[in-house]
Amino acid sequence: MNSKIELVIFDCDGVVIDSEILSAQVLINMLVKKGIEIDRAYVQQHFLGCNFKTVSQKIADVFNITLARSFEGDYREALLNEFETSLTTTDGIKDVLNNLAVPICIATSSSPARTAKALSVVSLSKYFSDTVFTSSEVKRGKPAPDLFLHAAKQMGVKPEHCLVIEDSKAGVNAGIDANMQVLHYSGGQHMQGSVNHVHSAYPNVDHLTHWQDFFSAYPALKKQ
C-alpha cells in the first residue's frame, strides 16, 4: 500500500519509549514469586504488545495459575517506580517527532495512567497532549484492529491514509487488519541481539532499525 500518509500512529512501549526491558524484568521478578519462571525472550515472543488482561489469560492457560486481582495493580506500581529512575526514549525519536509534517497520535495497550506517567518522565507529553488512545477505549485490544481504527476515527483520518509504527507481532497484525500502512520498528533495546519474530513473519512489511533513517524511508513526511 502506497497511499498518501496523513496520520502517523505510534505504539508507545518499545517504539517511542524504551520500556520493554524494564516492563519484562519487573514482570519476570514478580512471577517468580508465584512459581512461574520465564525469561525476556519468552516475554517478547508471547506477551509483547498485549494488554495485561491478555497476558494474565495466557499465564493462566500455559501455567495453570490464576493471578490475584491485586497482581496487576502491584505490577503497575512497581513498574512506575522503575520508570522514575530508568526510563528513556528510543534513540532518535525526538528528532522524528520534531520534524514530522503530519499529525501524530499514540495507540497503546498500556493503561492511561502508565502511558501518561511514562511520557511525562521522558518529556514527550507535549507531543501527544490530547492524542493518546489506549485499549481501555475499545472492546478488543491488539491484535484486533479496533484500537487503531478508533484512533484514526478520532483523528479524522481514513485508515488507508494512516501509518502505524509498531514493534510487536500483535501490533503489526492489528495494523494490517485495520487496512493501514505498517512500519515495523526494531530499534528498542529489547530487540537487540534477539530473534526478530515480527520481521521474519512479515517480510513484506516495511522495517526500520534506527529512527535516524526514518525520513530517508518517508521523505514526504518531513517538514520542509
Protein backbone atom coordinates (compact mmCIF):
# COMPACT_ATOMS: atom_id res chain seq x y z
CA MET A 1 0.00 0.00 0.00
CA ASN A 2 1.37 3.38 -1.00
CA SER A 3 -1.49 5.77 -0.21
CA LYS A 4 -0.69 9.29 0.93
CA ILE A 5 0.07 9.30 4.68
CA GLU A 6 -1.98 11.85 6.61
CA LEU A 7 -1.50 10.49 10.15
CA VAL A 8 1.27 8.60 11.94
CA ILE A 9 0.05 6.31 14.72
CA PHE A 10 2.80 5.34 17.16
CA ASP A 11 2.70 2.43 19.55
CA CYS A 12 4.17 3.61 22.85
CA ASP A 13 6.19 0.92 24.64
CA GLY A 14 9.24 -0.12 22.64
CA VAL A 15 8.55 2.48 19.94
CA VAL A 16 8.65 5.96 21.46
CA ILE A 17 9.77 4.89 24.95
CA ASP A 18 12.43 2.23 25.52
CA SER A 19 10.41 0.49 28.20
CA GLU A 20 10.06 -3.14 27.20
CA ILE A 21 13.13 -4.48 29.02
CA LEU A 22 12.04 -2.70 32.20
CA SER A 23 8.48 -3.99 31.87
CA ALA A 24 9.64 -7.53 31.18
CA GLN A 25 12.06 -7.65 34.10
CA VAL A 26 9.52 -6.33 36.60
CA LEU A 27 7.01 -8.94 35.41
CA ILE A 28 9.60 -11.74 35.48
CA ASN A 29 10.63 -10.86 39.04
CA MET A 30 7.04 -10.80 40.25
CA LEU A 31 6.07 -14.05 38.52
CA VAL A 32 8.98 -15.91 40.11
CA LYS A 33 7.30 -15.31 43.46
CA LYS A 34 4.23 -17.08 42.05
CA GLY A 35 6.25 -20.10 40.94
CA ILE A 36 6.41 -19.08 37.27
CA GLU A 37 9.88 -18.88 35.74
CA ILE A 38 10.21 -17.22 32.33
CA ASP A 39 12.86 -15.09 30.64
CA ARG A 40 12.89 -11.96 28.48
CA ALA A 41 12.79 -13.95 25.27
CA TYR A 42 9.57 -15.63 26.43
CA VAL A 43 8.01 -12.28 27.32
CA GLN A 44 8.98 -10.84 23.95
CA GLN A 45 7.58 -13.75 21.96
CA HIS A 46 4.33 -14.26 23.87
CA PHE A 47 3.40 -11.03 25.67
CA LEU A 48 4.84 -8.17 23.61
CA GLY A 49 2.14 -5.72 22.53
CA CYS A 50 -0.60 -7.36 24.60
CA ASN A 51 -2.65 -5.68 27.31
CA PHE A 52 -2.49 -7.03 30.86
CA LYS A 53 -5.79 -8.90 30.59
CA THR A 54 -4.43 -10.90 27.66
CA VAL A 55 -1.13 -11.55 29.45
CA SER A 56 -2.98 -12.82 32.54
CA GLN A 57 -5.11 -15.14 30.42
CA LYS A 58 -2.05 -16.54 28.64
CA ILE A 59 -0.38 -17.19 32.01
CA ALA A 60 -3.49 -19.00 33.24
CA ASP A 61 -3.67 -21.10 30.05
CA VAL A 62 0.00 -22.08 29.95
CA PHE A 63 0.96 -22.33 33.63
CA ASN A 64 -2.44 -23.11 35.14
CA ILE A 65 -2.01 -20.28 37.62
CA THR A 66 -4.62 -17.55 38.06
CA LEU A 67 -3.07 -14.29 39.20
CA ALA A 68 -4.74 -12.50 42.08
CA ARG A 69 -6.81 -9.43 41.22
CA SER A 70 -4.28 -7.32 43.12
CA PHE A 71 -1.38 -8.52 40.94
CA GLU A 72 -1.98 -6.04 38.13
CA GLY A 73 -2.05 -3.07 40.48
CA ASP A 74 1.10 -4.23 42.24
CA TYR A 75 2.83 -4.74 38.89
CA ARG A 76 1.88 -1.29 37.63
CA GLU A 77 3.08 0.35 40.84
CA ALA A 78 6.42 -1.46 40.70
CA LEU A 79 6.84 -0.58 37.04
CA LEU A 80 6.09 3.11 37.53
CA ASN A 81 8.71 3.20 40.28
CA GLU A 82 11.19 1.67 37.84
CA PHE A 83 10.22 4.20 35.17
CA GLU A 84 11.05 7.08 37.51
CA THR A 85 14.73 6.14 37.62
CA SER A 86 15.45 4.13 34.47
CA LEU A 87 13.09 5.00 31.61
CA THR A 88 14.42 6.62 28.41
CA THR A 89 13.10 7.37 24.94
CA THR A 90 14.11 5.25 21.99
CA ASP A 91 17.20 6.67 20.33
CA GLY A 92 16.37 9.46 17.88
CA ILE A 93 12.59 9.59 18.34
CA LYS A 94 12.53 13.25 19.42
CA ASP A 95 14.14 14.32 16.16
CA VAL A 96 11.43 12.45 14.25
CA LEU A 97 8.65 13.99 16.33
CA ASN A 98 10.10 17.48 15.91
CA ASN A 99 10.24 17.18 12.13
CA LEU A 100 7.05 15.33 11.16
CA ALA A 101 4.83 17.31 8.81
CA VAL A 102 1.62 15.36 9.55
CA PRO A 103 -0.46 14.86 12.71
CA ILE A 104 0.57 12.15 15.16
CA CYS A 105 -1.01 10.12 17.94
CA ILE A 106 -0.32 7.16 20.21
CA ALA A 107 -2.35 3.93 20.29
CA THR A 108 -1.19 1.67 23.10
CA SER A 109 -2.17 -1.44 25.03
CA SER A 110 -0.86 0.17 28.22
CA SER A 111 -3.15 1.82 30.76
CA PRO A 112 -3.85 5.57 30.56
CA ALA A 113 -2.08 6.21 33.88
CA ARG A 114 1.05 4.26 32.91
CA THR A 115 1.21 5.91 29.49
CA ALA A 116 0.78 9.42 30.88
CA LYS A 117 3.45 8.81 33.51
CA ALA A 118 5.89 7.32 31.02
CA LEU A 119 5.51 10.17 28.54
CA SER A 120 5.96 12.69 31.35
CA VAL A 121 9.13 11.05 32.70
CA VAL A 122 10.85 11.23 29.29
CA SER A 123 9.45 14.68 28.39
CA LEU A 124 7.30 13.53 25.48
CA SER A 125 3.92 14.67 26.83
CA LYS A 126 3.98 17.87 24.78
CA TYR A 127 3.97 15.91 21.54
CA PHE A 128 0.84 13.94 22.48
CA SER A 129 -1.05 16.37 24.71
CA ASP A 130 -4.51 15.17 23.68
CA THR A 131 -3.80 12.41 21.17
CA VAL A 132 -3.20 9.32 23.31
CA PHE A 133 -5.58 6.39 22.80
CA THR A 134 -5.44 3.23 24.93
CA SER A 135 -7.00 -0.21 24.76
CA SER A 136 -9.32 0.79 27.62
CA GLU A 137 -11.31 2.73 25.00
CA VAL A 138 -12.17 -0.27 22.81
CA LYS A 139 -13.75 -3.68 23.30
CA ARG A 140 -10.87 -5.65 21.82
CA GLY A 141 -7.19 -4.87 22.21
CA LYS A 142 -4.36 -5.74 19.83
CA PRO A 143 -4.04 -7.94 17.75
CA ALA A 144 -7.60 -6.84 16.89
CA PRO A 145 -7.65 -3.68 14.73
CA ASP A 146 -10.15 -1.86 16.99
CA LEU A 147 -7.70 0.47 18.72
CA PHE A 148 -6.06 1.69 15.53
CA LEU A 149 -9.45 2.20 13.86
CA HIS A 150 -10.63 4.12 16.93
CA ALA A 151 -7.55 6.35 16.84
CA ALA A 152 -7.97 7.07 13.14
CA LYS A 153 -11.64 7.93 13.61
CA GLN A 154 -10.89 10.27 16.49
CA MET A 155 -8.16 11.96 14.44
CA GLY A 156 -10.45 12.26 11.40
CA VAL A 157 -8.26 10.25 9.00
CA LYS A 158 -9.24 7.27 6.84
CA PRO A 159 -7.43 4.01 7.75
CA GLU A 160 -5.69 3.71 4.39
CA HIS A 161 -4.04 7.10 4.95
CA CYS A 162 -2.56 6.08 8.32
CA LEU A 163 0.95 4.81 9.01
CA VAL A 164 1.15 2.54 12.05
CA ILE A 165 4.56 2.13 13.71
CA GLU A 166 4.81 -1.00 15.85
CA ASP A 167 7.42 -3.25 17.42
CA SER A 168 5.23 -6.27 18.24
CA LYS A 169 3.62 -9.02 16.22
CA ALA A 170 0.27 -8.23 17.85
CA GLY A 171 0.58 -4.60 16.79
CA VAL A 172 1.65 -5.40 13.24
CA ASN A 173 -1.31 -7.76 12.92
CA ALA A 174 -3.65 -5.05 14.20
CA GLY A 175 -2.30 -2.51 11.74
CA ILE A 176 -2.62 -4.87 8.78
CA ASP A 177 -6.17 -5.85 9.74
CA ALA A 178 -7.05 -2.16 10.08
CA ASN A 179 -6.06 -1.72 6.41
CA MET A 180 -3.31 0.72 7.38
CA GLN A 181 0.24 1.10 6.18
CA VAL A 182 2.56 -0.55 8.71
CA LEU A 183 6.18 0.06 9.70
CA HIS A 184 7.88 -2.43 11.99
CA TYR A 185 10.37 -0.69 14.29
CA SER A 186 13.04 -2.81 15.95
CA GLY A 187 15.36 -0.21 17.47
CA GLY A 188 14.34 -0.73 21.10
CA GLN A 189 16.80 -2.32 23.50
CA HIS A 190 14.56 -5.39 23.85
CA MET A 191 15.13 -6.18 20.18
CA GLN A 192 18.93 -6.08 20.30
CA GLY A 193 20.53 -9.45 19.67
CA SER A 194 17.20 -11.28 19.65
CA VAL A 195 15.36 -13.33 17.10
CA ASN A 196 13.15 -10.94 15.18
CA HIS A 197 9.90 -12.89 15.14
CA VAL A 198 7.94 -10.00 13.68
CA HIS A 199 10.10 -9.18 10.71
CA SER A 200 10.56 -12.83 9.75
CA ALA A 201 6.79 -13.36 9.90
CA TYR A 202 6.01 -10.30 7.76
CA PRO A 203 8.78 -9.89 5.17
CA ASN A 204 6.61 -7.54 3.09
CA VAL A 205 6.08 -5.06 5.94
CA ASP A 206 8.44 -2.06 5.92
CA HIS A 207 11.15 -2.36 8.55
CA LEU A 208 13.17 0.27 10.45
CA THR A 209 16.03 -0.30 12.89
CA HIS A 210 17.13 3.30 13.52
CA TRP A 211 14.99 6.45 13.77
CA GLN A 212 17.81 8.30 12.03
CA ASP A 213 16.73 6.52 8.82
CA PHE A 214 13.02 7.35 9.11
CA PHE A 215 12.92 10.35 6.79
CA SER A 216 15.06 8.59 4.21
CA ALA A 217 12.29 6.00 4.03
CA TYR A 218 9.45 8.56 4.22
CA PRO A 219 10.81 11.83 2.79
CA ALA A 220 7.31 13.22 2.16
CA LEU A 221 6.61 13.21 5.91
CA LYS A 222 9.41 15.65 6.77
CA LYS A 223 8.77 19.32 7.35
CA GLN A 224 10.21 21.48 4.59
